Amino acid sequence: MASSWSGGADWHGPPMTARRRQTMMMSRQLEGYRLTTAEILYHLPDHPGVLQSYVWQDLDIAPRYPVLHRFLDFWSRQIEGRLHSVRVGTAALITPGEMRSPHMFQLH
């Protein structure tokens, strides 16, 4: 069965320019999204006793991880390999306090 994963809910639509993608990623990070990496272990369909590893990465919100959960739901519905376990790590790339620029100024 053919399957495709288009990423998080905000990645749908026509292709974005690199600048627009960077702007969207920065705004998401300021909203609390963090770089999330998941190591997914799954059973090979033809050899169920053998585990294979898949690494997934996207911006997501801890601790609920809605984007990861959408991906895992997609996996369960569309991909033959039965899930064994998922290990998740997350890191903030930027915080609002780090948003400083030498080009910013204040008007009185």
Foldseek 3Di string as FASTA:
>chain_A
DDDDDQFFPVRDDDDDDPVVVVVVVVVVLQVAWWWKKKWWWWADLVGRVDIDIDIDIDTAHPPVGPRVVVVVVSCVVPPRTHTDDMDMDTDRPDYPVPPDDPPDDDDD
